[in-house]
Amino acid sequence: MAVKAGSPRPDVSSGEAVKKALLSAGAVAYSTGASGVYVQRLFDRLGIANQMKDKSKQTSPGVRVAQYLASGEADLGFQQVSELVHETGIDFLGPLPADIQNVTVYSSDIRIGSNASEPAKALQAFLSAPAAAPVIRKNGMDPSHP
């Protein structure tokens, strides 16, 4: 979650607090990707889908949520952490609270019979090495999540 840089930071410490922040916001932006689909479902789950219809702004493909926030087109924005943490013009509030969080898990595999299995194994080893964890965290992901 994020707001325009310098804007008041709403309480987003729980699912109920996020619900209040959503209802208080003039406009809310979210992505067209998987996180945006989740936000739409979250509105339903929180019982506020009807209240959010007129003030929700789903970004166009290729347009970042941060652009809506930085320009003042939205007061509160939702996108995957890795898409928000390095953006300028916004203040990153943090991930969704645990009671309403949805985790995206990335994994890899190597096809049986691949003619590039050794380089693929090397990449997997590199990305899963303890030395990679700080860089992964810095970019908004959690390498320790199962």
C-alpha atoms as a PDB file:
ATOM      1  CA  MET A   1       0.000   0.000   0.000  1.00  0.00           C
ATOM      2  CA  ALA A   2       1.155   3.524  -0.700  1.00  0.00           C
ATOM      3  CA  VAL A   3       0.097   7.166  -0.653  1.00  0.00           C
ATOM      4  CA  LYS A   4       1.399  10.291  -2.384  1.00  0.00           C
ATOM      5  CA  ALA A   5       4.684  11.430  -0.842  1.00  0.00           C
ATOM      6  CA  GLY A   6       4.059  13.676   2.137  1.00  0.00           C
ATOM      7  CA  SER A   7       0.377  12.786   2.424  1.00  0.00           C
ATOM      8  CA  PRO A   8      -1.082  11.736   5.762  1.00  0.00           C
ATOM      9  CA  ARG A   9      -0.523   8.044   6.386  1.00  0.00           C
ATOM     10  CA  PRO A  10      -3.755   6.205   7.150  1.00  0.00           C
ATOM     11  CA  ASP A  11      -3.839   3.447   9.734  1.00  0.00           C
ATOM     12  CA  VAL A  12      -3.408   0.206   7.778  1.00  0.00           C
ATOM     13  CA  SER A  13      -2.418  -2.024  10.677  1.00  0.00           C
ATOM     14  CA  SER A  14      -5.316  -4.471  10.316  1.00  0.00           C
ATOM     15  CA  GLY A  15      -7.917  -5.556   7.808  1.00  0.00           C
ATOM     16  CA  GLU A  16     -10.519  -3.414   9.559  1.00  0.00           C
ATOM     17  CA  ALA A  17      -8.177  -0.391   9.489  1.00  0.00           C
ATOM     18  CA  VAL A  18      -7.558  -0.909   5.752  1.00  0.00           C
ATOM     19  CA  LYS A  19     -11.309  -1.081   5.210  1.00  0.00           C
ATOM     20  CA  LYS A  20     -11.729   2.278   6.978  1.00  0.00           C
ATOM     21  CA  ALA A  21      -8.859   3.779   4.968  1.00  0.00           C
ATOM     22  CA  LEU A  22     -10.451   2.569   1.728  1.00  0.00           C
ATOM     23  CA  LEU A  23     -13.822   4.032   2.626  1.00  0.00           C
ATOM     24  CA  SER A  24     -12.197   7.341   3.637  1.00  0.00           C
ATOM     25  CA  ALA A  25     -10.096   7.679   0.481  1.00  0.00           C
ATOM     26  CA  GLY A  26     -11.355   9.862  -2.342  1.00  0.00           C
ATOM     27  CA  ALA A  27      -9.832   7.586  -4.981  1.00  0.00           C
ATOM     28  CA  VAL A  28      -8.024   4.259  -4.850  1.00  0.00           C
ATOM     29  CA  ALA A  29      -5.695   2.891  -7.530  1.00  0.00           C
ATOM     30  CA  TYR A  30      -4.699  -0.713  -8.152  1.00  0.00           C
ATOM     31  CA  SER A  31      -2.988  -2.590 -10.946  1.00  0.00           C
ATOM     32  CA  THR A  32      -4.356  -4.607 -13.827  1.00  0.00           C
ATOM     33  CA  GLY A  33      -2.216  -7.571 -12.777  1.00  0.00           C
ATOM     34  CA  ALA A  34      -2.801 -10.335 -10.273  1.00  0.00           C
ATOM     35  CA  SER A  35      -2.562  -7.930  -7.345  1.00  0.00           C
ATOM     36  CA  GLY A  36      -5.370  -5.849  -8.856  1.00  0.00           C
ATOM     37  CA  VAL A  37      -7.591  -8.901  -9.188  1.00  0.00           C
ATOM     38  CA  TYR A  38      -6.890  -9.626  -5.531  1.00  0.00           C
ATOM     39  CA  VAL A  39      -7.795  -6.055  -4.514  1.00  0.00           C
ATOM     40  CA  GLN A  40     -11.128  -6.332  -6.315  1.00  0.00           C
ATOM     41  CA  ARG A  41     -11.848  -9.582  -4.474  1.00  0.00           C
ATOM     42  CA  LEU A  42     -10.730  -7.950  -1.230  1.00  0.00           C
ATOM     43  CA  PHE A  43     -13.354  -5.221  -1.712  1.00  0.00           C
ATOM     44  CA  ASP A  44     -15.948  -7.993  -1.943  1.00  0.00           C
ATOM     45  CA  ARG A  45     -14.538  -9.807   1.064  1.00  0.00           C
ATOM     46  CA  LEU A  46     -14.591  -6.612   3.136  1.00  0.00           C
ATOM     47  CA  GLY A  47     -18.181  -5.965   2.066  1.00  0.00           C
ATOM     48  CA  ILE A  48     -17.391  -2.622   0.406  1.00  0.00           C
ATOM     49  CA  ALA A  49     -17.434  -3.439  -3.307  1.00  0.00           C
ATOM     50  CA  ASN A  50     -20.400  -1.173  -4.010  1.00  0.00           C
ATOM     51  CA  GLN A  51     -18.866   1.775  -2.121  1.00  0.00           C
ATOM     52  CA  MET A  52     -15.586   1.328  -4.020  1.00  0.00           C
ATOM     53  CA  LYS A  53     -17.039   1.224  -7.564  1.00  0.00           C
ATOM     54  CA  ASP A  54     -17.053   4.963  -8.224  1.00  0.00           C
ATOM     55  CA  LYS A  55     -13.717   5.714  -6.576  1.00  0.00           C
ATOM     56  CA  SER A  56     -11.637   2.789  -7.826  1.00  0.00           C
ATOM     57  CA  LYS A  57      -9.121   3.349 -10.590  1.00  0.00           C
ATOM     58  CA  GLN A  58      -7.570   0.311 -12.186  1.00  0.00           C
ATOM     59  CA  THR A  59      -4.395   1.316 -13.991  1.00  0.00           C
ATOM     60  CA  SER A  60      -3.985   0.855 -17.708  1.00  0.00           C
ATOM     61  CA  PRO A  61      -1.514  -1.840 -18.767  1.00  0.00           C
ATOM     62  CA  GLY A  62       2.007  -0.462 -18.414  1.00  0.00           C
ATOM     63  CA  VAL A  63       0.944   2.356 -16.083  1.00  0.00           C
ATOM     64  CA  ARG A  64       2.177   2.024 -12.529  1.00  0.00           C
ATOM     65  CA  VAL A  65      -0.011   2.639  -9.468  1.00  0.00           C
ATOM     66  CA  ALA A  66       2.660   5.049  -8.214  1.00  0.00           C
ATOM     67  CA  GLN A  67       1.941   7.342 -11.165  1.00  0.00           C
ATOM     68  CA  TYR A  68      -1.685   7.713 -10.040  1.00  0.00           C
ATOM     69  CA  LEU A  69      -0.569   8.484  -6.502  1.00  0.00           C
ATOM     70  CA  ALA A  70       2.238  10.894  -7.399  1.00  0.00           C
ATOM     71  CA  SER A  71      -0.042  12.859  -9.745  1.00  0.00           C
ATOM     72  CA  GLY A  72      -2.811  13.081  -7.146  1.00  0.00           C
ATOM     73  CA  GLU A  73      -5.257  10.979  -9.187  1.00  0.00           C
ATOM     74  CA  ALA A  74      -5.546   8.546  -6.265  1.00  0.00           C
ATOM     75  CA  ASP A  75      -5.176   8.862  -2.500  1.00  0.00           C
ATOM     76  CA  LEU A  76      -4.344   5.238  -1.745  1.00  0.00           C
ATOM     77  CA  GLY A  77      -2.696   2.662  -3.985  1.00  0.00           C
ATOM     78  CA  PHE A  78      -2.279  -1.098  -4.004  1.00  0.00           C
ATOM     79  CA  GLN A  79       0.265  -3.130  -5.937  1.00  0.00           C
ATOM     80  CA  GLN A  80       2.794  -5.835  -5.177  1.00  0.00           C
ATOM     81  CA  VAL A  81       5.483  -4.633  -2.772  1.00  0.00           C
ATOM     82  CA  SER A  82       8.214  -5.181  -5.354  1.00  0.00           C
ATOM     83  CA  GLU A  83       6.385  -2.775  -7.683  1.00  0.00           C
ATOM     84  CA  LEU A  84       6.126   0.016  -5.083  1.00  0.00           C
ATOM     85  CA  VAL A  85       9.259   0.014  -2.909  1.00  0.00           C
ATOM     86  CA  HIS A  86      11.521   1.901  -5.318  1.00  0.00           C
ATOM     87  CA  GLU A  87       9.009   4.349  -6.782  1.00  0.00           C
ATOM     88  CA  THR A  88       9.485   8.095  -6.372  1.00  0.00           C
ATOM     89  CA  GLY A  89       6.713  10.497  -5.466  1.00  0.00           C
ATOM     90  CA  ILE A  90       5.052   8.052  -3.079  1.00  0.00           C
ATOM     91  CA  ASP A  91       5.365   6.883   0.499  1.00  0.00           C
ATOM     92  CA  PHE A  92       5.251   3.107   0.790  1.00  0.00           C
ATOM     93  CA  LEU A  93       3.039   2.184   3.761  1.00  0.00           C
ATOM     94  CA  GLY A  94       3.919  -1.507   3.815  1.00  0.00           C
ATOM     95  CA  PRO A  95       2.344  -4.782   2.789  1.00  0.00           C
ATOM     96  CA  LEU A  96      -1.249  -5.648   3.567  1.00  0.00           C
ATOM     97  CA  PRO A  97      -1.755  -6.768   7.165  1.00  0.00           C
ATOM     98  CA  ALA A  98      -1.584 -10.521   7.754  1.00  0.00           C
ATOM     99  CA  ASP A  99      -5.345 -10.950   8.161  1.00  0.00           C
ATOM    100  CA  ILE A 100      -5.978  -9.806   4.564  1.00  0.00           C
ATOM    101  CA  GLN A 101      -2.624 -10.565   2.939  1.00  0.00           C
ATOM    102  CA  ASN A 102      -2.225 -12.672  -0.184  1.00  0.00           C
ATOM    103  CA  VAL A 103       1.271 -13.974  -0.891  1.00  0.00           C
ATOM    104  CA  THR A 104       2.549 -14.590  -4.396  1.00  0.00           C
ATOM    105  CA  VAL A 105       5.062 -17.422  -4.455  1.00  0.00           C
ATOM    106  CA  TYR A 106       7.609 -17.628  -7.260  1.00  0.00           C
ATOM    107  CA  SER A 107       9.256 -20.931  -8.101  1.00  0.00           C
ATOM    108  CA  SER A 108      11.254 -22.516 -10.861  1.00  0.00           C
ATOM    109  CA  ASP A 109      11.856 -25.893 -12.349  1.00  0.00           C
ATOM    110  CA  ILE A 110      13.926 -27.437 -15.078  1.00  0.00           C
ATOM    111  CA  ARG A 111      12.289 -29.420 -17.819  1.00  0.00           C
ATOM    112  CA  ILE A 112      13.299 -33.022 -18.132  1.00  0.00           C
ATOM    113  CA  GLY A 113      15.552 -33.326 -21.140  1.00  0.00           C
ATOM    114  CA  SER A 114      16.457 -29.641 -21.181  1.00  0.00           C
ATOM    115  CA  ASN A 115      19.630 -28.907 -23.100  1.00  0.00           C
ATOM    116  CA  ALA A 116      20.383 -26.033 -20.686  1.00  0.00           C
ATOM    117  CA  SER A 117      19.879 -27.766 -17.361  1.00  0.00           C
ATOM    118  CA  GLU A 118      23.316 -26.904 -15.968  1.00  0.00           C
ATOM    119  CA  PRO A 119      22.967 -23.109 -16.450  1.00  0.00           C
ATOM    120  CA  ALA A 120      19.418 -23.352 -15.072  1.00  0.00           C
ATOM    121  CA  LYS A 121      20.682 -25.188 -11.984  1.00  0.00           C
ATOM    122  CA  ALA A 122      23.359 -22.530 -11.545  1.00  0.00           C
ATOM    123  CA  LEU A 123      20.733 -19.774 -11.693  1.00  0.00           C
ATOM    124  CA  GLN A 124      18.549 -21.588  -9.161  1.00  0.00           C
ATOM    125  CA  ALA A 125      21.538 -22.011  -6.838  1.00  0.00           C
ATOM    126  CA  PHE A 126      22.458 -18.341  -7.210  1.00  0.00           C
ATOM    127  CA  LEU A 127      18.930 -17.109  -6.457  1.00  0.00           C
ATOM    128  CA  SER A 128      18.474 -19.426  -3.475  1.00  0.00           C
ATOM    129  CA  ALA A 129      21.887 -18.760  -1.916  1.00  0.00           C
ATOM    130  CA  PRO A 130      21.953 -16.909   1.420  1.00  0.00           C
ATOM    131  CA  ALA A 131      23.999 -14.129  -0.218  1.00  0.00           C
ATOM    132  CA  ALA A 132      21.056 -13.325  -2.520  1.00  0.00           C
ATOM    133  CA  ALA A 133      18.563 -12.858   0.343  1.00  0.00           C
ATOM    134  CA  PRO A 134      19.432  -9.205   1.173  1.00  0.00           C
ATOM    135  CA  VAL A 135      19.015  -8.145  -2.457  1.00  0.00           C
ATOM    136  CA  ILE A 136      15.744 -10.031  -2.759  1.00  0.00           C
ATOM    137  CA  ARG A 137      14.445  -8.375   0.438  1.00  0.00           C
ATOM    138  CA  LYS A 138      15.589  -4.937  -0.731  1.00  0.00           C
ATOM    139  CA  ASN A 139      13.428  -5.422  -3.805  1.00  0.00           C
ATOM    140  CA  GLY A 140      10.272  -6.165  -1.823  1.00  0.00           C
ATOM    141  CA  MET A 141      10.246  -9.945  -1.745  1.00  0.00           C
ATOM    142  CA  ASP A 142      10.712 -12.460   1.060  1.00  0.00           C
ATOM    143  CA  PRO A 143      13.161 -15.243   0.214  1.00  0.00           C
ATOM    144  CA  SER A 144      12.276 -17.144   3.404  1.00  0.00           C
ATOM    145  CA  HIS A 145       8.609 -17.587   2.520  1.00  0.00           C
ATOM    146  CA  PRO A 146       7.822 -21.187   1.649  1.00  0.00           C
END
